Amino acid sequence: GGTPRRPRCEGSEHVMVSDDMFALETLPKSMVVQGAGYIGVEFACIMNGLGVDVTLNYRGDKILRGFDEDIRNHLTEEMRKQGIEFVLNTDIQKIKKDGDALSVHLDDGNIMKTDAVLSAIGRVSNFEGLNLEAAGVEVEQNGKIKIGDNFETNVPHVYAVGDIIEGLELTPVALAEGHILADQLLNPN
């Protein structure tokens, strides 16, 4: 149900998303990770562990919005100890190719040089090809399928779970929703 959100800044064609990480043939020496949600933090730690110099850029003041404050603070401290740098309260405005490197221009006027940029700024619903309009399934303004009780859409016997509905866009959440729905449909007792 979901696909990585791509940034809409000038030079976004030079940016990788999480799907691209599994096709890397060589590791970059340095990387800017844009976004500090679950995926951004995870890949920042993975790449750092593989020896890449990582800078995590986030428009907010703390990583992992919505998570427990103690966890957010402790994890930031531990990531810094591992060598991950943080550039917070600023966002990427544009990215320019500069030979083999990239120049990442921030909205605070600073410029970072790096070998790669990973954008981990969230996910968007992906129900392309399902022709929901023809089926009469309602989609909300935010691009999520509207559901009622028990994951049922406005069309009887059509259900939706995972990244295409409102909620946390994480694999374990989608799996749990799928299990709940299967249990409801197959074992109503």
Protein backbone atom coordinates (compact mmCIF):
# COMPACT_ATOMS: atom_id res chain seq x y z
CA GLY A 1 0.00 0.00 0.00
CA GLY A 2 2.78 2.59 0.17
CA THR A 3 5.73 4.01 -1.69
CA PRO A 4 8.47 6.39 -0.50
CA ARG A 5 7.60 10.08 -0.76
CA ARG A 6 10.00 11.85 -3.08
CA PRO A 7 11.13 15.39 -2.26
CA ARG A 8 9.93 18.29 -4.40
CA CYS A 9 13.04 20.42 -4.31
CA GLU A 10 15.29 21.49 -7.15
CA GLY A 11 17.74 18.68 -7.85
CA SER A 12 15.53 15.96 -6.39
CA GLU A 13 16.56 13.69 -9.26
CA HIS A 14 19.88 13.23 -7.40
CA VAL A 15 18.13 11.86 -4.30
CA MET A 16 17.72 8.22 -3.35
CA VAL A 17 14.74 6.83 -1.43
CA SER A 18 14.65 3.76 0.80
CA ASP A 19 13.84 1.42 -2.12
CA ASP A 20 17.08 2.51 -3.85
CA MET A 21 19.22 1.52 -0.88
CA PHE A 22 18.86 -2.17 -1.68
CA ALA A 23 20.36 -1.65 -5.15
CA LEU A 24 23.55 0.15 -4.08
CA GLU A 25 26.55 -1.43 -5.78
CA THR A 26 29.11 0.55 -3.76
CA LEU A 27 28.88 2.47 -0.52
CA PRO A 28 29.24 6.24 -0.63
CA LYS A 29 31.90 7.76 1.64
CA SER A 30 29.38 10.26 2.98
CA MET A 31 25.61 10.56 3.03
CA VAL A 32 23.00 13.06 4.09
CA VAL A 33 19.82 11.41 5.33
CA GLN A 34 16.82 13.74 5.05
CA GLY A 35 14.12 12.91 7.57
CA ALA A 36 14.21 11.63 11.13
CA GLY A 37 11.33 9.20 11.30
CA TYR A 38 11.71 5.48 11.76
CA ILE A 39 13.11 4.84 8.26
CA GLY A 40 15.50 7.81 8.26
CA VAL A 41 16.93 6.94 11.67
CA GLU A 42 17.19 3.26 10.73
CA PHE A 43 19.12 3.92 7.52
CA ALA A 44 21.32 6.55 9.19
CA CYS A 45 22.37 3.91 11.73
CA ILE A 46 22.82 1.17 9.11
CA MET A 47 24.97 3.34 6.86
CA ASN A 48 27.00 4.62 9.81
CA GLY A 49 27.57 1.03 10.90
CA LEU A 50 28.87 0.25 7.41
CA GLY A 51 31.44 3.03 7.72
CA VAL A 52 29.67 5.83 5.85
CA ASP A 53 29.97 9.35 7.30
CA VAL A 54 26.32 10.19 7.99
CA THR A 55 24.63 13.52 8.59
CA LEU A 56 20.96 13.37 9.51
CA ASN A 57 18.99 16.44 8.39
CA TYR A 58 15.54 17.12 9.83
CA ARG A 59 13.24 20.13 9.72
CA GLY A 60 12.19 19.56 13.35
CA ASP A 61 14.13 19.84 16.57
CA LYS A 62 14.19 16.13 17.56
CA ILE A 63 14.23 12.76 15.83
CA LEU A 64 11.35 10.26 15.93
CA ARG A 65 8.39 12.58 16.38
CA GLY A 66 5.61 10.81 18.23
CA PHE A 67 7.92 8.44 20.10
CA ASP A 68 8.67 8.51 23.84
CA GLU A 69 10.77 11.57 24.82
CA ASP A 70 13.29 9.55 26.82
CA ILE A 71 13.87 7.23 23.86
CA ARG A 72 14.23 10.17 21.46
CA ASN A 73 16.79 11.90 23.67
CA HIS A 74 18.76 8.75 24.53
CA LEU A 75 18.90 7.53 20.93
CA THR A 76 20.10 10.93 19.69
CA GLU A 77 22.88 10.87 22.26
CA GLU A 78 23.89 7.32 21.32
CA MET A 79 23.81 8.09 17.59
CA ARG A 80 26.08 11.09 18.18
CA LYS A 81 28.49 8.85 20.11
CA GLN A 82 28.59 6.58 17.04
CA GLY A 83 29.61 9.55 14.89
CA ILE A 84 26.32 10.53 13.25
CA GLU A 85 25.99 14.28 12.88
CA PHE A 86 22.67 16.09 13.21
CA VAL A 87 21.52 19.18 11.33
CA LEU A 88 18.14 20.00 12.85
CA ASN A 89 15.54 22.76 12.42
CA THR A 90 16.38 23.17 8.74
CA ASP A 91 15.28 21.62 5.47
CA ILE A 92 16.81 20.94 2.06
CA GLN A 93 16.00 23.63 -0.50
CA LYS A 94 17.98 22.31 -3.47
CA ILE A 95 20.63 19.80 -4.43
CA LYS A 96 23.27 20.46 -7.05
CA LYS A 97 25.54 17.95 -8.72
CA ASP A 98 29.12 19.09 -8.14
CA GLY A 99 31.38 16.68 -10.06
CA ASP A 100 31.06 13.33 -8.29
CA ALA A 101 29.69 15.00 -5.16
CA LEU A 102 26.45 16.74 -4.28
CA SER A 103 25.96 20.20 -2.76
CA VAL A 104 22.98 20.20 -0.42
CA HIS A 105 21.60 23.72 0.06
CA LEU A 106 19.62 24.22 3.26
CA ASP A 107 16.93 26.80 3.97
CA ASP A 108 19.16 28.38 6.64
CA GLY A 109 21.76 29.26 4.00
CA ASN A 110 24.26 26.51 4.85
CA ILE A 111 25.58 24.11 2.22
CA MET A 112 26.66 20.53 2.91
CA LYS A 113 28.90 18.52 0.56
CA THR A 114 28.19 14.80 0.35
CA ASP A 115 28.44 11.79 -1.94
CA ALA A 116 24.79 10.75 -1.59
CA VAL A 117 21.44 11.96 -0.29
CA LEU A 118 18.78 9.61 1.03
CA SER A 119 15.35 11.15 1.40
CA ALA A 120 13.29 9.45 4.09
CA ILE A 121 10.48 11.98 4.43
CA GLY A 122 7.60 9.57 4.69
CA ARG A 123 5.46 7.45 2.48
CA VAL A 124 2.47 8.02 0.25
CA SER A 125 -0.42 5.68 -0.46
CA ASN A 126 0.01 3.52 -3.51
CA PHE A 127 -3.16 2.07 -4.96
CA GLU A 128 -2.30 2.77 -8.57
CA GLY A 129 -4.06 0.41 -10.94
CA LEU A 130 -6.79 -0.59 -8.50
CA ASN A 131 -9.33 1.72 -10.18
CA LEU A 132 -10.90 2.65 -6.85
CA GLU A 133 -12.96 5.40 -8.46
CA ALA A 134 -14.78 2.90 -10.68
CA ALA A 135 -15.49 0.72 -7.65
CA GLY A 136 -16.82 3.72 -5.75
CA VAL A 137 -14.27 3.47 -2.91
CA GLU A 138 -13.89 6.83 -1.17
CA VAL A 139 -10.45 8.36 -0.88
CA GLU A 140 -9.90 11.18 1.63
CA GLN A 141 -8.24 14.54 0.88
CA ASN A 142 -4.97 13.27 2.37
CA GLY A 143 -4.82 10.41 -0.16
CA LYS A 144 -5.84 7.73 2.31
CA ILE A 145 -8.72 5.31 1.76
CA LYS A 146 -11.61 6.11 4.06
CA ILE A 147 -12.55 3.22 6.33
CA GLY A 148 -15.12 2.63 9.02
CA ASP A 149 -15.32 -0.05 11.65
CA ASN A 150 -13.35 -3.22 11.03
CA PHE A 151 -11.34 -1.73 8.12
CA GLU A 152 -14.35 -1.77 5.77
CA THR A 153 -14.52 0.96 3.13
CA ASN A 154 -17.75 2.67 2.09
CA VAL A 155 -18.24 -0.20 -0.38
CA PRO A 156 -19.54 -3.30 1.43
CA HIS A 157 -17.07 -6.20 1.48
CA VAL A 158 -14.15 -4.02 0.33
CA TYR A 159 -11.53 -3.60 3.05
CA ALA A 160 -8.30 -1.64 3.38
CA VAL A 161 -5.33 -1.98 5.75
CA GLY A 162 -1.73 -0.75 5.88
CA ASP A 163 -0.17 2.34 4.34
CA ILE A 164 -3.30 3.17 2.32
CA ILE A 165 -5.32 4.06 5.44
CA GLU A 166 -4.77 6.64 8.17
CA GLY A 167 -2.31 5.50 10.86
CA LEU A 168 1.31 4.59 11.41
CA GLU A 169 2.97 3.58 8.16
CA LEU A 170 5.12 0.76 9.48
CA THR A 171 5.29 -2.84 8.31
CA PRO A 172 4.47 -4.33 11.72
CA VAL A 173 1.35 -2.13 11.94
CA ALA A 174 0.17 -3.21 8.48
CA LEU A 175 0.81 -6.86 9.36
CA ALA A 176 -1.16 -6.54 12.60
CA GLU A 177 -4.06 -4.84 10.79
CA GLY A 178 -4.07 -7.64 8.21
CA HIS A 179 -4.16 -10.28 10.94
CA ILE A 180 -6.99 -8.50 12.75
CA LEU A 181 -9.01 -8.24 9.54
CA ALA A 182 -8.37 -11.90 8.63
CA ASP A 183 -9.45 -13.00 12.11
CA GLN A 184 -12.63 -10.90 11.86
CA LEU A 185 -13.54 -12.25 8.44
CA LEU A 186 -12.55 -15.88 8.90
CA ASN A 187 -13.33 -16.39 12.59
CA PRO A 188 -16.11 -13.99 13.60
CA ASN A 189 -16.39 -15.66 17.04
